[in-house]
C-alpha atoms as a PDB file:
ATOM      1  CA  UNK A   1     -50.155  24.055 -37.961  1.00  0.00           C
ATOM      2  CA  UNK A   2     -47.576  22.513 -35.637  1.00  0.00           C
ATOM      3  CA  UNK A   3     -47.075  19.372 -37.685  1.00  0.00           C
ATOM      4  CA  UNK A   4     -44.484  21.044 -39.873  1.00  0.00           C
ATOM      5  CA  UNK A   5     -42.314  22.024 -36.897  1.00  0.00           C
ATOM      6  CA  UNK A   6     -41.845  18.524 -35.463  1.00  0.00           C
ATOM      7  CA  UNK A   7     -38.407  17.036 -36.139  1.00  0.00           C
ATOM      8  CA  UNK A   8     -38.137  13.618 -37.656  1.00  0.00           C
ATOM      9  CA  UNK A   9     -37.664  10.785 -35.182  1.00  0.00           C
ATOM     10  CA  UNK A  10     -34.359   8.965 -35.430  1.00  0.00           C
ATOM     11  CA  UNK A  11     -34.409   5.281 -36.260  1.00  0.00           C
ATOM     12  CA  UNK A  12     -34.416   3.384 -33.002  1.00  0.00           C
ATOM     13  CA  UNK A  13     -32.360   0.201 -32.656  1.00  0.00           C
ATOM     14  CA  UNK A  14     -34.148  -3.072 -32.605  1.00  0.00           C
ATOM     15  CA  UNK A  15     -35.241  -4.052 -29.088  1.00  0.00           C
ATOM     16  CA  UNK A  16     -33.607  -7.252 -27.931  1.00  0.00           C
ATOM     17  CA  UNK A  17     -35.391  -9.910 -25.946  1.00  0.00           C
ATOM     18  CA  UNK A  18     -34.759  -9.722 -22.220  1.00  0.00           C
ATOM     19  CA  UNK A  19     -35.444 -13.321 -21.229  1.00  0.00           C
ATOM     20  CA  UNK A  20     -32.849 -15.442 -19.442  1.00  0.00           C
ATOM     21  CA  UNK A  21     -32.328 -17.654 -22.461  1.00  0.00           C
ATOM     22  CA  UNK A  22     -31.881 -14.655 -24.727  1.00  0.00           C
ATOM     23  CA  UNK A  23     -29.306 -13.169 -22.362  1.00  0.00           C
ATOM     24  CA  UNK A  24     -27.381 -16.453 -22.325  1.00  0.00           C
ATOM     25  CA  UNK A  25     -27.403 -16.613 -26.104  1.00  0.00           C
ATOM     26  CA  UNK A  26     -26.414 -12.969 -26.330  1.00  0.00           C
ATOM     27  CA  UNK A  27     -23.271 -13.690 -24.281  1.00  0.00           C
ATOM     28  CA  UNK A  28     -22.397 -16.642 -26.452  1.00  0.00           C
ATOM     29  CA  UNK A  29     -23.116 -14.930 -29.768  1.00  0.00           C
ATOM     30  CA  UNK A  30     -22.178 -11.320 -29.100  1.00  0.00           C
ATOM     31  CA  UNK A  31     -18.831 -10.086 -30.262  1.00  0.00           C
ATOM     32  CA  UNK A  32     -16.510  -9.098 -27.513  1.00  0.00           C
ATOM     33  CA  UNK A  33     -13.653  -6.683 -27.680  1.00  0.00           C
ATOM     34  CA  UNK A  34     -10.230  -8.245 -27.300  1.00  0.00           C
ATOM     35  CA  UNK A  35      -8.607  -7.786 -23.930  1.00  0.00           C
ATOM     36  CA  UNK A  36      -5.759  -5.367 -23.515  1.00  0.00           C
ATOM     37  CA  UNK A  37      -2.589  -7.408 -23.380  1.00  0.00           C
ATOM     38  CA  UNK A  38       0.329  -6.676 -21.072  1.00  0.00           C
ATOM     39  CA  UNK A  39      -1.198  -3.665 -19.343  1.00  0.00           C
ATOM     40  CA  UNK A  40      -0.709  -3.562 -15.605  1.00  0.00           C
ATOM     41  CA  UNK A  41      -1.595  -1.115 -12.875  1.00  0.00           C
ATOM     42  CA  UNK A  42       1.931   0.247 -13.017  1.00  0.00           C
ATOM     43  CA  UNK A  43       1.410   1.341 -16.620  1.00  0.00           C
ATOM     44  CA  UNK A  44      -1.907   2.987 -15.807  1.00  0.00           C
ATOM     45  CA  UNK A  45      -0.969   4.627 -12.500  1.00  0.00           C
ATOM     46  CA  UNK A  46       2.663   5.343 -13.165  1.00  0.00           C
ATOM     47  CA  UNK A  47       3.741   3.632  -9.938  1.00  0.00           C
ATOM     48  CA  UNK A  48       3.316   0.299  -8.222  1.00  0.00           C
ATOM     49  CA  UNK A  49       1.009   0.473  -5.191  1.00  0.00           C
ATOM     50  CA  UNK A  50       2.594  -2.670  -3.722  1.00  0.00           C
ATOM     51  CA  UNK A  51       6.109  -1.269  -4.149  1.00  0.00           C
ATOM     52  CA  UNK A  52       5.030   2.041  -2.624  1.00  0.00           C
ATOM     53  CA  UNK A  53       3.536   0.263   0.394  1.00  0.00           C
ATOM     54  CA  UNK A  54       6.664  -1.876   0.763  1.00  0.00           C
ATOM     55  CA  UNK A  55       8.824   1.252   0.633  1.00  0.00           C
ATOM     56  CA  UNK A  56       6.720   2.943   3.327  1.00  0.00           C
ATOM     57  CA  UNK A  57       6.907  -0.169   5.511  1.00  0.00           C
ATOM     58  CA  UNK A  58      10.677  -0.381   5.057  1.00  0.00           C
ATOM     59  CA  UNK A  59      11.049   3.292   6.022  1.00  0.00           C
ATOM     60  CA  UNK A  60       8.941   2.743   9.159  1.00  0.00           C
ATOM     61  CA  UNK A  61      11.009  -0.321  10.103  1.00  0.00           C
ATOM     62  CA  UNK A  62      14.247   1.611   9.519  1.00  0.00           C
ATOM     63  CA  UNK A  63      13.058   4.369  11.866  1.00  0.00           C
ATOM     64  CA  UNK A  64      11.935   1.856  14.496  1.00  0.00           C
ATOM     65  CA  UNK A  65      15.253  -0.001  14.411  1.00  0.00           C
ATOM     66  CA  UNK A  66      17.195   3.279  14.564  1.00  0.00           C
ATOM     67  CA  UNK A  67      15.234   4.299  17.676  1.00  0.00           C
ATOM     68  CA  UNK A  68      15.862   0.882  19.253  1.00  0.00           C
ATOM     69  CA  UNK A  69      19.572   1.026  18.382  1.00  0.00           C
ATOM     70  CA  UNK A  70      19.951   4.479  19.945  1.00  0.00           C
ATOM     71  CA  UNK A  71      18.063   3.394  23.072  1.00  0.00           C
ATOM     72  CA  UNK A  72      20.389   0.390  23.383  1.00  0.00           C
ATOM     73  CA  UNK A  73      23.435   2.660  23.024  1.00  0.00           C
ATOM     74  CA  UNK A  74      22.158   4.991  25.746  1.00  0.00           C
ATOM     75  CA  UNK A  75      21.351   2.059  28.033  1.00  0.00           C
ATOM     76  CA  UNK A  76      24.827   0.559  27.465  1.00  0.00           C
ATOM     77  CA  UNK A  77      26.509   3.902  28.206  1.00  0.00           C
ATOM     78  CA  UNK A  78      24.505   4.288  31.412  1.00  0.00           C
ATOM     79  CA  UNK A  79      25.364   0.726  32.442  1.00  0.00           C
ATOM     80  CA  UNK A  80      29.075   1.357  31.782  1.00  0.00           C
ATOM     81  CA  UNK A  81      28.946   4.555  33.837  1.00  0.00           C
ATOM     82  CA  UNK A  82      27.097   2.797  36.665  1.00  0.00           C
ATOM     83  CA  UNK A  83      29.569  -0.100  36.639  1.00  0.00           C
ATOM     84  CA  UNK A  84      32.511   2.308  36.677  1.00  0.00           C
ATOM     85  CA  UNK A  85      31.053   4.222  39.617  1.00  0.00           C
ATOM     86  CA  UNK A  86      30.451   0.964  41.534  1.00  0.00           C
ATOM     87  CA  UNK A  87      34.009  -0.098  40.713  1.00  0.00           C
ATOM     88  CA  UNK A  88      35.436   3.199  42.021  1.00  0.00           C
ATOM     89  CA  UNK A  89      33.308   2.900  45.158  1.00  0.00           C
ATOM     90  CA  UNK A  90      34.472  -0.697  45.718  1.00  0.00           C
ATOM     91  CA  UNK A  91      38.125   0.255  45.201  1.00  0.00           C
ATOM     92  CA  UNK A  92      37.761   3.170  47.642  1.00  0.00           C
ATOM     93  CA  UNK A  93      36.204   0.914  50.265  1.00  0.00           C
ATOM     94  CA  UNK A  94      38.825  -1.762  49.823  1.00  0.00           C
ATOM     95  CA  UNK A  95      41.606   0.786  50.063  1.00  0.00           C
ATOM     96  CA  UNK A  96      40.049   2.383  53.098  1.00  0.00           C
ATOM     97  CA  UNK A  97      39.706  -0.908  54.955  1.00  0.00           C
ATOM     98  CA  UNK A  98      43.300  -2.057  54.371  1.00  0.00           C
END
């Protein structure tokens, strides 16, 4: 009754031996696909991760050096102002004591 409704079984591939020796021979005998030549991560991703990281690092260093340069300018201006005020004070004292 139900025997007519069963689909035919597909042909199954031949089962390969799973011993260590058979696996070694399979690697030696099996055909391998050729490797893809001249394909790098840049071609696959569209950008270079190393170049992107280097660019980020350079931007961070540029910001850090800009901050340091501005701090040095402010410190130099304050030192000039302090020196000028000490110079005026010294000139006033010298003139007063003459």
